[in-house]
C-alpha atoms as a PDB file:
ATOM      1  CA  MET A   1     139.191 -23.484  28.940  1.00  0.00           C
ATOM      2  CA  LEU A   2     135.412 -24.220  29.185  1.00  0.00           C
ATOM      3  CA  GLU A   3     133.095 -21.932  30.961  1.00  0.00           C
ATOM      4  CA  VAL A   4     129.727 -22.709  31.633  1.00  0.00           C
ATOM      5  CA  GLY A   5     127.300 -20.387  33.317  1.00  0.00           C
ATOM      6  CA  GLN A   6     124.739 -17.552  32.556  1.00  0.00           C
ATOM      7  CA  ALA A   7     125.241 -13.889  32.253  1.00  0.00           C
ATOM      8  CA  VAL A   8     123.272 -11.072  30.676  1.00  0.00           C
ATOM      9  CA  ALA A   9     125.516  -8.504  28.869  1.00  0.00           C
ATOM     10  CA  VAL A  10     124.608  -4.981  28.766  1.00  0.00           C
ATOM     11  CA  LYS A  11     125.431  -2.276  26.374  1.00  0.00           C
ATOM     12  CA  THR A  12     123.826   0.807  28.009  1.00  0.00           C
ATOM     13  CA  TYR A  13     122.631   1.955  31.382  1.00  0.00           C
ATOM     14  CA  SER A  14     119.075   1.488  30.397  1.00  0.00           C
ATOM     15  CA  ASP A  15     119.642  -2.126  29.465  1.00  0.00           C
ATOM     16  CA  CYS A  16     121.248  -2.656  32.947  1.00  0.00           C
ATOM     17  CA  VAL A  17     118.154  -0.928  34.716  1.00  0.00           C
ATOM     18  CA  ASN A  18     115.800  -2.964  32.547  1.00  0.00           C
ATOM     19  CA  VAL A  19     117.629  -6.247  33.706  1.00  0.00           C
ATOM     20  CA  HIS A  20     117.397  -5.191  37.185  1.00  0.00           C
ATOM     21  CA  MET A  21     113.742  -4.269  36.970  1.00  0.00           C
ATOM     22  CA  PHE A  22     113.002  -7.644  35.697  1.00  0.00           C
ATOM     23  CA  ARG A  23     115.055  -9.588  38.351  1.00  0.00           C
ATOM     24  CA  PHE A  24     113.131  -7.677  40.809  1.00  0.00           C
ATOM     25  CA  ALA A  25     109.903  -8.863  39.223  1.00  0.00           C
ATOM     26  CA  LEU A  26     110.971 -12.304  39.469  1.00  0.00           C
ATOM     27  CA  THR A  27     112.191 -12.189  42.948  1.00  0.00           C
ATOM     28  CA  LYS A  28     108.841 -10.413  44.094  1.00  0.00           C
ATOM     29  CA  LYS A  29     106.805 -13.255  42.449  1.00  0.00           C
ATOM     30  CA  GLY A  30     108.702 -15.524  44.911  1.00  0.00           C
ATOM     31  CA  LEU A  31     111.107 -17.390  42.509  1.00  0.00           C
ATOM     32  CA  GLY A  32     114.158 -16.833  44.762  1.00  0.00           C
ATOM     33  CA  GLU A  33     117.314 -14.942  44.452  1.00  0.00           C
ATOM     34  CA  ILE A  34     118.226 -14.706  40.540  1.00  0.00           C
ATOM     35  CA  THR A  35     121.946 -15.224  40.282  1.00  0.00           C
ATOM     36  CA  THR A  36     122.662 -14.509  36.715  1.00  0.00           C
ATOM     37  CA  GLU A  37     125.513 -12.410  36.402  1.00  0.00           C
ATOM     38  CA  ILE A  38     124.881  -8.826  34.850  1.00  0.00           C
ATOM     39  CA  ARG A  39     128.236  -7.321  33.081  1.00  0.00           C
ATOM     40  CA  GLU A  40     129.047  -4.975  30.660  1.00  0.00           C
ATOM     41  CA  HIS A  41     128.868  -6.126  26.947  1.00  0.00           C
ATOM     42  CA  THR A  42     132.471  -6.952  25.762  1.00  0.00           C
ATOM     43  CA  GLU A  43     133.437  -9.839  23.453  1.00  0.00           C
ATOM     44  CA  PHE A  44     130.779 -12.556  22.408  1.00  0.00           C
ATOM     45  CA  TYR A  45     131.636 -15.711  21.268  1.00  0.00           C
ATOM     46  CA  TYR A  46     129.055 -18.163  19.846  1.00  0.00           C
ATOM     47  CA  ALA A  47     128.858 -21.890  21.423  1.00  0.00           C
ATOM     48  CA  GLU A  48     129.806 -24.771  19.267  1.00  0.00           C
ATOM     49  CA  ASP A  49     127.592 -25.531  16.239  1.00  0.00           C
ATOM     50  CA  TYR A  50     125.740 -28.504  17.710  1.00  0.00           C
ATOM     51  CA  HIS A  51     124.545 -25.746  20.438  1.00  0.00           C
ATOM     52  CA  GLN A  52     122.998 -23.520  17.767  1.00  0.00           C
ATOM     53  CA  GLN A  53     119.079 -23.748  17.233  1.00  0.00           C
ATOM     54  CA  TYR A  54     118.951 -26.365  19.906  1.00  0.00           C
ATOM     55  CA  LEU A  55     115.184 -25.788  20.337  1.00  0.00           C
ATOM     56  CA  HIS A  56     114.751 -26.118  16.716  1.00  0.00           C
ATOM     57  CA  LYS A  57     116.518 -29.393  16.544  1.00  0.00           C
ATOM     58  CA  VAL A  58     114.887 -30.637  20.011  1.00  0.00           C
ATOM     59  CA  PRO A  59     111.705 -28.889  20.511  1.00  0.00           C
ATOM     60  CA  LYS A  60     110.905 -30.342  23.818  1.00  0.00           C
ATOM     61  CA  GLY A  61     114.678 -30.047  24.864  1.00  0.00           C
ATOM     62  CA  TYR A  62     114.251 -28.037  27.988  1.00  0.00           C
ATOM     63  CA  CYS A  63     111.925 -29.249  30.872  1.00  0.00           C
ATOM     64  CA  GLY A  64     111.603 -25.590  32.282  1.00  0.00           C
ATOM     65  CA  LEU A  65     109.894 -23.893  29.246  1.00  0.00           C
ATOM     66  CA  LYS A  66     106.571 -23.435  30.942  1.00  0.00           C
ATOM     67  CA  GLY A  67     107.809 -19.807  31.759  1.00  0.00           C
ATOM     68  CA  THR A  68     107.421 -17.957  35.096  1.00  0.00           C
ATOM     69  CA  GLY A  69     104.233 -16.151  34.629  1.00  0.00           C
ATOM     70  CA  VAL A  70     106.054 -12.899  35.498  1.00  0.00           C
ATOM     71  CA  THR A  71     105.727  -9.889  33.011  1.00  0.00           C
ATOM     72  CA  CYS A  72     108.008  -6.853  33.214  1.00  0.00           C
ATOM     73  CA  SER A  73     106.697  -3.663  31.589  1.00  0.00           C
ATOM     74  CA  ILE A  74     109.911  -2.202  30.434  1.00  0.00           C
ATOM     75  CA  GLY A  75     109.523   1.408  30.223  1.00  0.00           C
ATOM     76  CA  ALA A  76     106.182   1.597  32.186  1.00  0.00           C
ATOM     77  CA  GLU A  77     105.677   4.182  34.545  1.00  0.00           C
ATOM     78  CA  LYS A  78     106.473   2.749  38.186  1.00  0.00           C
ATOM     79  CA  ASP A  79     102.856   2.572  39.238  1.00  0.00           C
ATOM     80  CA  GLU A  80     102.041   0.279  36.556  1.00  0.00           C
ATOM     81  CA  LEU A  81     104.804  -2.473  37.680  1.00  0.00           C
END
């Protein structure tokens, strides 16, 4: 079975809060709904060897590496966000 998708695996409640804070910051910036799944960390499997260190092998491998321009001050006071 092959699964392709994006997920953030969180280990703690704090991790979950941080992910939601960043998701909110991205949405507030106008980048649309963020659909990455957030789930509790369970088992982790590495991808095939040819996927490892991809950007080292292909430095310009992703066209979207310009970033979002969004910062999220994890742990900052609410007024600072």
